[in-house]
Amino acid sequence: MLKIRLAGLLVVALFVLSACKAKSPTTVPTVTASPTEVKASVELIQNECLVCHTDKQMLIDTAKPEEVVVKESSGAG
C-alpha cells in the first residue's frame, strides 16, 4: 500500500512540476551596427565634446562661481 501511495505522489509531483516548465525559450532580437556606423557615432561624440570644451565664452558662462570659504577655527573654543 505504501508503494502505491509513493507512486501516486510521484505522478502528482511530476504533473505539478511539468506545469511550471517554460513553454518556449524567448529570443532577444540582436541589433548589429556596421563598423562605419559605430565609427561615425564615436566621431560625432568626440566632435560634440570638442565644440563644448573649445567654446571659451560658454565655458565662462557655465563655470561654477567661486565660493568664499569661511574659517571656523578662529575664536574661543
N, C-alpha and C. Protein backbone atom coordinates (compact mmCIF):
# COMPACT_ATOMS: atom_id res chain seq x y z
N MET A 1 0.82 -1.19 0.00
CA MET A 1 0.00 0.00 0.00
C MET A 1 0.87 1.26 0.00
N LEU A 2 1.96 1.25 0.70
CA LEU A 2 2.87 2.38 0.77
C LEU A 2 3.48 2.66 -0.58
N LYS A 3 3.82 1.61 -1.34
CA LYS A 3 4.41 1.78 -2.68
C LYS A 3 3.42 2.44 -3.63
N ILE A 4 2.16 2.13 -3.51
CA ILE A 4 1.14 2.72 -4.38
C ILE A 4 1.00 4.20 -4.07
N ARG A 5 1.01 4.54 -2.79
CA ARG A 5 0.91 5.95 -2.40
C ARG A 5 2.12 6.74 -2.89
N LEU A 6 3.31 6.17 -2.72
CA LEU A 6 4.51 6.85 -3.19
C LEU A 6 4.50 7.02 -4.70
N ALA A 7 4.05 6.01 -5.43
CA ALA A 7 3.97 6.10 -6.89
C ALA A 7 2.96 7.17 -7.29
N GLY A 8 1.83 7.22 -6.62
CA GLY A 8 0.81 8.22 -6.90
C GLY A 8 1.32 9.63 -6.58
N LEU A 9 2.02 9.76 -5.46
CA LEU A 9 2.59 11.04 -5.08
C LEU A 9 3.63 11.49 -6.10
N LEU A 10 4.43 10.55 -6.60
CA LEU A 10 5.43 10.86 -7.62
C LEU A 10 4.76 11.33 -8.91
N VAL A 11 3.69 10.68 -9.32
CA VAL A 11 2.98 11.07 -10.54
C VAL A 11 2.39 12.47 -10.38
N VAL A 12 1.80 12.76 -9.23
CA VAL A 12 1.21 14.07 -8.98
C VAL A 12 2.30 15.14 -8.96
N ALA A 13 3.43 14.84 -8.31
CA ALA A 13 4.52 15.79 -8.25
C ALA A 13 5.07 16.09 -9.64
N LEU A 14 5.24 15.06 -10.45
CA LEU A 14 5.72 15.27 -11.82
C LEU A 14 4.74 16.09 -12.64
N PHE A 15 3.45 15.84 -12.43
CA PHE A 15 2.43 16.60 -13.15
C PHE A 15 2.48 18.08 -12.76
N VAL A 16 2.61 18.35 -11.47
CA VAL A 16 2.64 19.73 -10.98
C VAL A 16 3.91 20.43 -11.46
N LEU A 17 5.04 19.74 -11.40
CA LEU A 17 6.29 20.35 -11.81
C LEU A 17 6.37 20.55 -13.33
N SER A 18 5.70 19.71 -14.07
CA SER A 18 5.74 19.89 -15.53
C SER A 18 4.93 21.10 -15.96
N ALA A 19 3.98 21.52 -15.15
CA ALA A 19 3.20 22.71 -15.46
C ALA A 19 4.04 23.98 -15.32
N CYS A 20 5.12 23.91 -14.54
CA CYS A 20 5.98 25.07 -14.33
C CYS A 20 7.05 25.21 -15.41
N LYS A 21 7.11 24.26 -16.30
CA LYS A 21 8.13 24.26 -17.34
C LYS A 21 7.88 25.42 -18.31
N ALA A 22 8.96 26.06 -18.75
CA ALA A 22 8.84 27.15 -19.71
C ALA A 22 8.34 26.60 -21.03
N LYS A 23 7.43 27.32 -21.65
CA LYS A 23 6.84 26.84 -22.89
C LYS A 23 7.80 26.90 -24.06
N SER A 24 8.46 28.02 -24.21
CA SER A 24 9.44 28.13 -25.29
C SER A 24 10.46 29.19 -24.89
N PRO A 25 11.68 28.99 -25.26
CA PRO A 25 12.68 30.00 -24.92
C PRO A 25 12.43 31.28 -25.71
N THR A 26 12.51 32.38 -25.02
CA THR A 26 12.33 33.65 -25.70
C THR A 26 13.67 34.12 -26.23
N THR A 27 13.64 34.61 -27.42
CA THR A 27 14.86 35.11 -28.03
C THR A 27 14.80 36.63 -28.09
N VAL A 28 15.90 37.23 -27.80
CA VAL A 28 16.00 38.68 -27.84
C VAL A 28 16.59 39.06 -29.19
N PRO A 29 15.91 39.91 -29.93
CA PRO A 29 16.46 40.31 -31.22
C PRO A 29 17.75 41.10 -31.03
N THR A 30 18.72 40.75 -31.81
CA THR A 30 20.00 41.44 -31.70
C THR A 30 20.12 42.46 -32.82
N VAL A 31 20.67 43.57 -32.46
CA VAL A 31 20.89 44.63 -33.44
C VAL A 31 22.39 44.77 -33.62
N THR A 32 22.80 44.63 -34.85
CA THR A 32 24.23 44.77 -35.11
C THR A 32 24.45 46.03 -35.93
N ALA A 33 25.43 46.77 -35.53
CA ALA A 33 25.77 48.00 -36.24
C ALA A 33 27.03 47.75 -37.05
N SER A 34 27.07 48.34 -38.20
CA SER A 34 28.25 48.18 -39.02
C SER A 34 29.37 49.03 -38.43
N PRO A 35 30.62 48.67 -38.68
CA PRO A 35 31.75 49.43 -38.13
C PRO A 35 31.74 50.90 -38.54
N THR A 36 31.23 51.18 -39.73
CA THR A 36 31.20 52.58 -40.17
C THR A 36 30.20 53.39 -39.35
N GLU A 37 29.06 52.76 -38.96
CA GLU A 37 28.08 53.46 -38.14
C GLU A 37 28.64 53.73 -36.75
N VAL A 38 29.34 52.76 -36.19
CA VAL A 38 29.92 52.95 -34.87
C VAL A 38 30.99 54.03 -34.91
N LYS A 39 31.83 53.99 -35.95
CA LYS A 39 32.89 54.99 -36.09
C LYS A 39 32.28 56.38 -36.25
N ALA A 40 31.22 56.49 -37.01
CA ALA A 40 30.58 57.78 -37.23
C ALA A 40 29.99 58.32 -35.93
N SER A 41 29.37 57.44 -35.13
CA SER A 41 28.79 57.90 -33.88
C SER A 41 29.88 58.31 -32.89
N VAL A 42 31.00 57.62 -32.88
CA VAL A 42 32.11 57.99 -31.99
C VAL A 42 32.67 59.34 -32.42
N GLU A 43 32.80 59.56 -33.71
CA GLU A 43 33.29 60.85 -34.20
C GLU A 43 32.34 61.98 -33.84
N LEU A 44 31.04 61.73 -33.92
CA LEU A 44 30.06 62.75 -33.54
C LEU A 44 30.19 63.10 -32.07
N ILE A 45 30.37 62.10 -31.24
CA ILE A 45 30.51 62.35 -29.81
C ILE A 45 31.78 63.15 -29.55
N GLN A 46 32.88 62.77 -30.18
CA GLN A 46 34.13 63.49 -29.98
C GLN A 46 34.02 64.92 -30.49
N ASN A 47 33.38 65.11 -31.62
CA ASN A 47 33.21 66.46 -32.14
C ASN A 47 32.35 67.31 -31.22
N GLU A 48 31.32 66.71 -30.65
CA GLU A 48 30.46 67.44 -29.72
C GLU A 48 31.25 67.85 -28.48
N CYS A 49 32.13 66.99 -28.01
CA CYS A 49 32.98 67.34 -26.85
C CYS A 49 33.91 68.48 -27.21
N LEU A 50 34.49 68.40 -28.38
CA LEU A 50 35.40 69.47 -28.79
C LEU A 50 34.68 70.80 -28.91
N VAL A 51 33.48 70.78 -29.43
CA VAL A 51 32.72 72.02 -29.58
C VAL A 51 32.46 72.64 -28.21
N CYS A 52 32.06 71.84 -27.25
CA CYS A 52 31.76 72.38 -25.92
C CYS A 52 33.02 72.85 -25.20
N HIS A 53 34.08 72.07 -25.28
CA HIS A 53 35.27 72.40 -24.50
C HIS A 53 36.16 73.47 -25.14
N THR A 54 35.93 73.80 -26.38
CA THR A 54 36.74 74.83 -27.01
C THR A 54 36.01 76.16 -27.13
N ASP A 55 34.74 76.20 -26.76
CA ASP A 55 33.97 77.45 -26.78
C ASP A 55 34.24 78.19 -25.47
N LYS A 56 35.13 79.17 -25.50
CA LYS A 56 35.59 79.87 -24.30
C LYS A 56 34.44 80.59 -23.60
N GLN A 57 33.59 81.26 -24.35
CA GLN A 57 32.50 82.03 -23.74
C GLN A 57 31.52 81.10 -23.03
N MET A 58 31.24 79.95 -23.62
CA MET A 58 30.32 79.02 -22.99
C MET A 58 30.94 78.46 -21.70
N LEU A 59 32.24 78.22 -21.72
CA LEU A 59 32.91 77.76 -20.50
C LEU A 59 32.83 78.80 -19.40
N ILE A 60 32.98 80.05 -19.74
CA ILE A 60 32.89 81.12 -18.75
C ILE A 60 31.47 81.23 -18.22
N ASP A 61 30.48 81.12 -19.12
CA ASP A 61 29.08 81.24 -18.71
C ASP A 61 28.63 80.10 -17.81
N THR A 62 29.13 78.91 -18.07
CA THR A 62 28.67 77.75 -17.32
C THR A 62 29.56 77.39 -16.15
N ALA A 63 30.61 78.14 -15.91
CA ALA A 63 31.53 77.84 -14.81
C ALA A 63 30.84 78.06 -13.48
N LYS A 64 31.20 77.23 -12.50
CA LYS A 64 30.66 77.36 -11.16
C LYS A 64 31.35 78.54 -10.48
N PRO A 65 30.58 79.46 -9.91
CA PRO A 65 31.21 80.61 -9.26
C PRO A 65 32.01 80.17 -8.03
N GLU A 66 33.09 80.88 -7.76
CA GLU A 66 33.92 80.55 -6.62
C GLU A 66 33.20 80.95 -5.34
N GLU A 67 33.28 80.07 -4.35
CA GLU A 67 32.63 80.32 -3.07
C GLU A 67 33.65 80.82 -2.07
N VAL A 68 33.23 81.74 -1.22
CA VAL A 68 34.10 82.27 -0.19
C VAL A 68 34.11 81.26 0.96
N VAL A 69 35.30 80.82 1.34
CA VAL A 69 35.43 79.84 2.42
C VAL A 69 35.59 80.58 3.73
N VAL A 70 34.71 80.29 4.67
CA VAL A 70 34.76 80.93 5.99
C VAL A 70 35.47 79.98 6.93
N LYS A 71 36.56 80.46 7.55
CA LYS A 71 37.28 79.63 8.51
C LYS A 71 36.52 79.60 9.83
N GLU A 72 36.27 78.42 10.30
CA GLU A 72 35.53 78.28 11.56
C GLU A 72 36.46 77.95 12.72
N SER A 73 37.76 78.03 12.49
CA SER A 73 38.71 77.64 13.53
C SER A 73 39.16 78.82 14.39
N SER A 74 38.67 80.00 14.11
CA SER A 74 39.10 81.17 14.88
C SER A 74 38.12 81.43 16.03
N GLY A 75 38.61 82.06 17.06
CA GLY A 75 37.74 82.42 18.18
C GLY A 75 37.94 81.49 19.36
N ALA A 76 37.18 81.77 20.39
CA ALA A 76 37.28 80.98 21.63
C ALA A 76 36.63 79.62 21.40
N GLY A 77 37.20 78.64 22.06
CA GLY A 77 36.57 77.36 21.85
C GLY A 77 37.23 76.32 22.57
